[in-house]
């Protein structure tokens, strides 16, 4: 038998040495967040956890342990039969659960008894989460951020994508958050990750960057949809970031917005429910005018008005408060916002 353990802080530098990272928690726990590249081998699924918990509270600890042990044994046997047929003797898995207790202990013991050099995460996911949160407080300070600032529809996200294509380091917070960052910014058919998952994805992205090269990022508020951006990152971007003011002609901006939010045109009623959320900021009369444009299909008029009357004033006020030197920042003119203009700008910035 070869069964070892590792704590979360030490694991950060050693994740690559394991052939598999196995999460023994239930599918719902796994979906909420997990270690990088983890695979889910539930020792108890969600319904089984509910059943065992009910027996524990309503009957007795002993009865719950008896029934739970049988479920665990059957589930582990199933994982062994389905997952291990092609694994060589040298295969080395890392196993964890919520606190590094019975679930990971049972699975790790089985794997080590088979003959695999198995390691168990001390403290489980809870300890790993603490390390991620702690490192998110310090990691951003190790990078030089080039912050793309510009009004809504000016092509900042497209410029980030072009920069990545030219080999630049890019931190796309909206992509990680699955949200464009405004009240209309939800992506069709895509739910935002949990806050824990967003933090983990951000931590992993930061860990992969080279501190010797700049990291391009879009200026963001402290929240993207329902998710909070770590204060440490926002503060470092605003206090130490190098601002680049991205500019695009208003007509071109409207055309970009019409493309980015084309899905909203398929359901005007849903769009109008979202617009209700602007009543406190812009007043009932203005919101009703926007909603009438939506019902009438006056899409260009609607997005132009939203851009000029809502997004531009809001964004400029936010930038003035967040980036004191913005008015002296270098200007990146994207001309018509087309692929050629984006490519040219990205090439200049990435070199």
Protein backbone atom coordinates (compact mmCIF):
# COMPACT_ATOMS: atom_id res chain seq x y z
CA UNK A 1 0.00 0.00 0.00
CA UNK A 2 1.27 3.50 -0.91
CA UNK A 3 -0.87 6.27 0.59
CA UNK A 4 0.45 9.77 1.25
CA UNK A 5 -0.92 13.21 1.97
CA UNK A 6 -0.17 16.79 0.99
CA UNK A 7 -1.40 20.12 2.31
CA UNK A 8 -3.04 22.73 0.10
CA UNK A 9 -0.21 25.28 0.24
CA UNK A 10 2.36 22.71 -0.88
CA UNK A 11 0.03 21.37 -3.57
CA UNK A 12 0.05 24.67 -5.50
CA UNK A 13 3.58 24.00 -6.75
CA UNK A 14 3.06 20.25 -7.24
CA UNK A 15 -0.25 19.89 -9.09
CA UNK A 16 1.50 18.91 -12.32
CA UNK A 17 3.10 15.84 -10.79
CA UNK A 18 -0.20 13.99 -10.46
CA UNK A 19 -1.65 11.95 -13.32
CA UNK A 20 -5.21 12.70 -12.17
CA UNK A 21 -6.92 14.97 -9.66
CA UNK A 22 -9.99 13.14 -8.36
CA UNK A 23 -12.84 14.95 -6.62
CA UNK A 24 -14.74 12.50 -4.43
CA UNK A 25 -17.55 14.95 -3.63
CA UNK A 26 -21.07 14.89 -5.05
CA UNK A 27 -21.82 16.23 -8.55
CA UNK A 28 -23.44 19.42 -7.21
CA UNK A 29 -20.40 20.21 -5.05
CA UNK A 30 -18.12 19.53 -8.02
CA UNK A 31 -20.20 21.82 -10.28
CA UNK A 32 -19.93 24.67 -7.79
CA UNK A 33 -16.12 24.65 -7.90
CA UNK A 34 -13.18 22.27 -8.03
CA UNK A 35 -9.42 22.03 -8.29
CA UNK A 36 -7.81 22.64 -11.71
CA UNK A 37 -8.45 19.79 -14.17
CA UNK A 38 -10.23 17.73 -11.52
CA UNK A 39 -12.49 14.84 -12.53
CA UNK A 40 -15.51 13.80 -10.48
CA UNK A 41 -15.70 10.33 -8.95
CA UNK A 42 -18.53 10.79 -6.42
CA UNK A 43 -18.27 8.53 -3.42
CA UNK A 44 -21.86 9.53 -2.65
CA UNK A 45 -24.07 11.27 -5.18
CA UNK A 46 -26.42 14.10 -4.22
CA UNK A 47 -29.44 11.94 -3.54
CA UNK A 48 -27.39 9.45 -1.52
CA UNK A 49 -25.95 12.27 0.59
CA UNK A 50 -29.49 13.47 1.27
CA UNK A 51 -30.66 10.01 2.28
CA UNK A 52 -27.70 9.39 4.60
CA UNK A 53 -28.07 12.85 6.14
CA UNK A 54 -31.75 12.28 6.82
CA UNK A 55 -31.05 8.94 8.52
CA UNK A 56 -28.27 10.59 10.55
CA UNK A 57 -30.59 13.27 11.93
CA UNK A 58 -33.80 11.26 12.24
CA UNK A 59 -32.57 7.82 13.28
CA UNK A 60 -28.98 7.29 14.42
CA UNK A 61 -25.35 7.84 13.53
CA UNK A 62 -24.74 4.09 13.42
CA UNK A 63 -27.59 3.42 11.01
CA UNK A 64 -26.45 6.25 8.75
CA UNK A 65 -22.89 4.89 8.74
CA UNK A 66 -24.07 1.39 7.86
CA UNK A 67 -26.18 2.50 4.93
CA UNK A 68 -23.63 5.08 3.81
CA UNK A 69 -20.80 2.55 3.90
CA UNK A 70 -22.69 0.20 1.58
CA UNK A 71 -23.37 3.04 -0.86
CA UNK A 72 -19.74 4.14 -0.76
CA UNK A 73 -18.48 0.62 -1.40
CA UNK A 74 -20.75 0.15 -4.41
CA UNK A 75 -19.88 3.55 -5.87
CA UNK A 76 -16.14 3.02 -5.48
CA UNK A 77 -16.43 -0.45 -7.04
CA UNK A 78 -18.19 1.13 -10.00
CA UNK A 79 -15.44 3.75 -10.41
CA UNK A 80 -12.78 1.04 -10.21
CA UNK A 81 -14.47 -1.03 -12.91
CA UNK A 82 -15.14 1.88 -15.26
CA UNK A 83 -12.09 4.10 -14.77
CA UNK A 84 -9.06 1.98 -13.92
CA UNK A 85 -8.88 -0.70 -16.63
CA UNK A 86 -6.21 1.16 -18.62
CA UNK A 87 -4.24 2.66 -15.73
CA UNK A 88 -0.63 1.39 -15.34
CA UNK A 89 1.03 0.64 -12.01
CA UNK A 90 2.85 4.01 -12.19
CA UNK A 91 -0.42 6.02 -12.29
CA UNK A 92 -0.43 8.54 -9.43
CA UNK A 93 -3.76 10.15 -8.44
CA UNK A 94 -4.52 12.95 -6.00
CA UNK A 95 -7.83 12.50 -4.14
CA UNK A 96 -9.81 15.09 -2.20
CA UNK A 97 -13.27 15.73 -0.77
CA UNK A 98 -14.79 18.63 1.18
CA UNK A 99 -12.62 18.50 4.33
CA UNK A 100 -10.26 15.65 3.49
CA UNK A 101 -12.31 13.28 5.62
CA UNK A 102 -14.14 10.02 5.10
CA UNK A 103 -15.10 10.33 1.44
CA UNK A 104 -11.60 10.98 0.12
CA UNK A 105 -10.19 8.66 2.77
CA UNK A 106 -12.28 5.73 1.55
CA UNK A 107 -11.49 6.28 -2.13
CA UNK A 108 -7.78 6.92 -1.52
CA UNK A 109 -7.52 3.75 0.60
CA UNK A 110 -9.07 1.63 -2.15
CA UNK A 111 -6.76 3.06 -4.81
CA UNK A 112 -3.68 2.57 -2.66
CA UNK A 113 -4.72 -1.01 -1.83
CA UNK A 114 -4.89 -1.74 -5.55
CA UNK A 115 -1.28 -0.61 -5.75
CA UNK A 116 -1.43 2.97 -7.03
CA UNK A 117 0.73 5.62 -5.37
CA UNK A 118 -2.18 7.70 -4.06
CA UNK A 119 -2.04 11.10 -2.34
CA UNK A 120 -4.82 12.63 -0.29
CA UNK A 121 -5.33 16.40 0.08
CA UNK A 122 -5.19 17.32 3.75
CA UNK A 123 -8.10 19.57 4.63
CA UNK A 124 -9.76 18.85 1.27
CA UNK A 125 -11.38 21.43 -0.97
CA UNK A 126 -12.01 23.73 2.00
CA UNK A 127 -8.26 24.11 2.58
CA UNK A 128 -7.62 24.59 -1.14
CA UNK A 129 -10.26 27.31 -1.32
CA UNK A 130 -8.55 29.14 1.54
CA UNK A 131 -5.24 29.11 -0.37
CA UNK A 132 -6.92 30.42 -3.54
CA UNK A 133 -8.57 33.27 -1.65
CA UNK A 134 -5.34 34.16 0.12
CA UNK A 135 -3.29 34.18 -3.08
CA UNK A 136 -5.84 36.29 -4.93
CA UNK A 137 -4.98 39.05 -2.48
CA UNK A 138 -1.34 39.13 -3.59
CA UNK A 139 -1.10 37.65 -7.11
CA UNK A 140 -2.35 40.77 -9.00
CA UNK A 141 0.46 42.89 -7.55
CA UNK A 142 3.01 40.85 -9.46
CA UNK A 143 1.85 42.02 -12.90
CA UNK A 144 1.90 45.13 -15.04
CA UNK A 145 -1.62 45.60 -16.37
CA UNK A 146 -2.35 47.50 -19.57
CA UNK A 147 -5.97 48.51 -19.07
CA UNK A 148 -8.20 49.03 -22.10
CA UNK A 149 -10.55 51.89 -21.25
CA UNK A 150 -13.32 52.97 -23.57
CA UNK A 151 -17.01 53.54 -23.87
CA UNK A 152 -19.51 50.73 -24.34
CA UNK A 153 -19.35 49.35 -27.88
CA UNK A 154 -15.86 50.66 -28.58
CA UNK A 155 -14.50 47.18 -29.30
CA UNK A 156 -12.46 46.55 -26.15
CA UNK A 157 -13.38 42.86 -25.96
CA UNK A 158 -12.66 42.33 -29.63
CA UNK A 159 -9.30 44.07 -29.16
CA UNK A 160 -8.48 41.70 -26.30
CA UNK A 161 -9.20 38.76 -28.59
CA UNK A 162 -6.99 40.25 -31.31
CA UNK A 163 -4.21 40.82 -28.78
CA UNK A 164 -4.37 37.18 -27.71
CA UNK A 165 -4.12 36.12 -31.35
CA UNK A 166 -0.89 38.15 -31.56
CA UNK A 167 0.59 36.33 -28.58
CA UNK A 168 -0.07 38.95 -25.90
CA UNK A 169 -1.04 37.97 -22.37
CA UNK A 170 -4.76 38.66 -21.93
CA UNK A 171 -6.98 38.53 -18.86
CA UNK A 172 -10.56 38.43 -20.16
CA UNK A 173 -12.64 38.90 -17.03
CA UNK A 174 -15.94 38.95 -18.89
CA UNK A 175 -15.15 35.60 -20.51
CA UNK A 176 -14.33 34.10 -17.11
CA UNK A 177 -17.54 35.56 -15.66
CA UNK A 178 -19.69 34.55 -18.68
CA UNK A 179 -21.19 38.05 -18.72
CA UNK A 180 -20.62 41.32 -20.60
CA UNK A 181 -20.84 43.36 -17.43
CA UNK A 182 -23.94 45.49 -18.01
CA UNK A 183 -27.58 45.04 -17.12
CA UNK A 184 -28.07 43.59 -20.61
CA UNK A 185 -24.83 41.62 -20.46
CA UNK A 186 -26.04 38.09 -19.75
CA UNK A 187 -25.00 35.58 -22.40
CA UNK A 188 -27.87 33.68 -24.08
CA UNK A 189 -28.24 30.20 -22.66
CA UNK A 190 -25.12 30.52 -20.48
CA UNK A 191 -25.30 30.78 -16.70
CA UNK A 192 -22.62 32.59 -14.77
CA UNK A 193 -20.30 30.39 -12.71
CA UNK A 194 -20.45 30.47 -8.94
CA UNK A 195 -18.35 33.07 -7.17
CA UNK A 196 -16.02 30.30 -6.00
CA UNK A 197 -15.63 29.01 -9.56
CA UNK A 198 -14.94 32.49 -10.90
CA UNK A 199 -12.28 32.99 -8.22
CA UNK A 200 -10.65 29.68 -9.13
CA UNK A 201 -10.63 30.47 -12.85
CA UNK A 202 -9.15 33.89 -12.16
CA UNK A 203 -6.51 32.42 -9.84
CA UNK A 204 -5.51 29.90 -12.49
CA UNK A 205 -5.29 32.57 -15.21
CA UNK A 206 -3.07 34.76 -13.05
CA UNK A 207 -0.84 31.82 -12.13
CA UNK A 208 -0.18 31.13 -15.82
CA UNK A 209 1.02 34.63 -16.70
CA UNK A 210 4.67 35.65 -17.06
CA UNK A 211 5.35 38.59 -14.74
CA UNK A 212 8.04 39.85 -17.13
CA UNK A 213 5.45 40.72 -19.80
CA UNK A 214 2.41 43.02 -19.58
CA UNK A 215 -1.09 41.66 -19.15
CA UNK A 216 -3.87 43.31 -21.16
CA UNK A 217 -7.23 43.61 -19.41
CA UNK A 218 -10.44 45.51 -19.96
CA UNK A 219 -11.46 48.15 -17.41
CA UNK A 220 -14.23 46.66 -15.30
CA UNK A 221 -16.41 47.66 -12.39
CA UNK A 222 -16.23 45.78 -9.12
CA UNK A 223 -19.02 43.44 -10.24
CA UNK A 224 -19.55 41.59 -13.51
CA UNK A 225 -23.15 40.50 -13.47
CA UNK A 226 -23.64 38.79 -10.12
CA UNK A 227 -19.91 38.15 -9.54
CA UNK A 228 -17.44 40.24 -7.56
CA UNK A 229 -14.00 40.96 -8.95
CA UNK A 230 -11.41 40.74 -6.13
CA UNK A 231 -10.67 44.14 -4.64
CA UNK A 232 -6.95 43.44 -4.88
CA UNK A 233 -7.18 43.15 -8.67
CA UNK A 234 -9.42 46.18 -9.15
CA UNK A 235 -7.27 48.33 -6.87
CA UNK A 236 -4.03 47.32 -8.61
CA UNK A 237 -5.48 47.90 -12.07
CA UNK A 238 -6.66 51.37 -11.08
CA UNK A 239 -3.70 52.51 -9.04
CA UNK A 240 -0.84 50.95 -11.03
CA UNK A 241 -2.32 50.02 -14.39
CA UNK A 242 -1.22 51.65 -17.66
CA UNK A 243 -4.40 53.03 -19.27
CA UNK A 244 -5.07 52.86 -23.00
CA UNK A 245 -8.07 54.82 -24.22
CA UNK A 246 -9.88 52.85 -26.93
CA UNK A 247 -11.92 55.00 -29.30
CA UNK A 248 -14.41 54.19 -32.01
CA UNK A 249 -16.83 56.32 -34.01
CA UNK A 250 -20.36 56.44 -32.53
CA UNK A 251 -21.97 54.95 -35.64
CA UNK A 252 -19.54 52.04 -35.58
CA UNK A 253 -20.20 51.57 -31.88
CA UNK A 254 -23.92 51.24 -32.52
CA UNK A 255 -23.27 48.59 -35.16
CA UNK A 256 -21.08 46.61 -32.78
CA UNK A 257 -23.76 46.79 -30.10
CA UNK A 258 -26.41 45.60 -32.54
CA UNK A 259 -24.25 42.55 -33.30
CA UNK A 260 -23.29 41.84 -29.69
CA UNK A 261 -26.86 42.06 -28.43
CA UNK A 262 -28.64 40.57 -31.44
CA UNK A 263 -30.10 37.81 -29.25
CA UNK A 264 -32.13 40.39 -27.30
CA UNK A 265 -34.01 41.32 -30.45
CA UNK A 266 -35.54 37.82 -30.52
CA UNK A 267 -37.44 38.44 -27.27
CA UNK A 268 -38.47 42.10 -26.80
CA UNK A 269 -40.53 41.22 -23.73
CA UNK A 270 -37.48 39.78 -21.97
CA UNK A 271 -35.43 42.80 -23.02
CA UNK A 272 -38.04 45.14 -21.58
CA UNK A 273 -37.96 43.28 -18.27
CA UNK A 274 -34.23 43.91 -18.15
CA UNK A 275 -34.74 47.57 -19.02
CA UNK A 276 -37.04 47.90 -16.00
CA UNK A 277 -33.88 47.59 -13.95
CA UNK A 278 -32.75 51.02 -15.22
CA UNK A 279 -35.80 52.87 -13.87
CA UNK A 280 -34.11 54.08 -10.70
CA UNK A 281 -31.14 55.45 -12.64
CA UNK A 282 -32.84 56.87 -15.73
CA UNK A 283 -36.44 57.42 -14.71
CA UNK A 284 -39.69 55.77 -15.72
CA UNK A 285 -40.31 58.08 -18.69
CA UNK A 286 -36.97 57.28 -20.33
CA UNK A 287 -37.28 53.55 -19.70
CA UNK A 288 -40.76 53.52 -21.21
CA UNK A 289 -39.41 55.24 -24.33
CA UNK A 290 -36.73 52.56 -24.67
CA UNK A 291 -39.29 49.82 -24.15
CA UNK A 292 -41.51 51.28 -26.84
CA UNK A 293 -38.55 51.28 -29.24
CA UNK A 294 -38.03 47.59 -28.45
CA UNK A 295 -41.68 46.70 -29.02
CA UNK A 296 -41.64 48.62 -32.32
CA UNK A 297 -38.39 47.02 -33.46
CA UNK A 298 -36.52 50.33 -33.64
CA UNK A 299 -33.29 48.60 -32.69
CA UNK A 300 -30.76 51.11 -33.96
CA UNK A 301 -32.57 53.99 -32.28
CA UNK A 302 -32.84 52.00 -29.05
CA UNK A 303 -29.18 51.06 -28.83
CA UNK A 304 -28.00 54.52 -29.85
CA UNK A 305 -30.11 56.09 -27.12
CA UNK A 306 -29.01 53.52 -24.54
CA UNK A 307 -25.41 54.14 -25.51
CA UNK A 308 -25.55 57.94 -25.33
CA UNK A 309 -28.01 58.43 -22.47
CA UNK A 310 -27.11 55.56 -20.17
CA UNK A 311 -23.87 53.73 -20.87
CA UNK A 312 -21.64 56.67 -21.84
CA UNK A 313 -22.40 58.89 -18.81
CA UNK A 314 -22.16 55.91 -16.46
CA UNK A 315 -18.88 54.69 -17.93
CA UNK A 316 -17.24 58.09 -18.03
CA UNK A 317 -18.15 58.76 -14.40
CA UNK A 318 -16.79 55.37 -13.38
CA UNK A 319 -13.54 55.92 -15.29
CA UNK A 320 -12.99 59.38 -13.85
CA UNK A 321 -13.31 58.00 -10.34
CA UNK A 322 -11.20 54.94 -11.03
CA UNK A 323 -8.44 56.16 -13.35
CA UNK A 324 -7.10 59.59 -12.45
CA UNK A 325 -4.70 59.79 -15.41
CA UNK A 326 -7.16 58.64 -18.05
CA UNK A 327 -7.37 61.98 -19.91
CA UNK A 328 -3.63 61.77 -20.63
CA UNK A 329 -3.69 58.09 -21.62
CA UNK A 330 -2.49 57.02 -25.09
CA UNK A 331 -5.35 56.70 -27.57
CA UNK A 332 -6.02 53.52 -29.52
CA UNK A 333 -8.20 54.46 -32.52
CA UNK A 334 -9.99 51.45 -33.98
CA UNK A 335 -11.30 53.37 -37.01
CA UNK A 336 -14.32 51.33 -38.16
CA UNK A 337 -13.88 48.51 -35.64
CA UNK A 338 -13.44 45.95 -38.39
CA UNK A 339 -11.03 42.99 -38.36
CA UNK A 340 -8.27 44.92 -40.14
CA UNK A 341 -8.40 47.84 -37.71
CA UNK A 342 -8.40 45.47 -34.73
CA UNK A 343 -5.51 43.48 -36.15
CA UNK A 344 -3.44 46.60 -36.80
CA UNK A 345 -4.05 47.96 -33.30
CA UNK A 346 -3.28 44.62 -31.67
CA UNK A 347 -0.07 44.23 -33.63
CA UNK A 348 1.13 47.67 -32.48
CA UNK A 349 0.24 47.06 -28.84
CA UNK A 350 1.64 43.53 -28.66
CA UNK A 351 5.09 44.46 -29.93
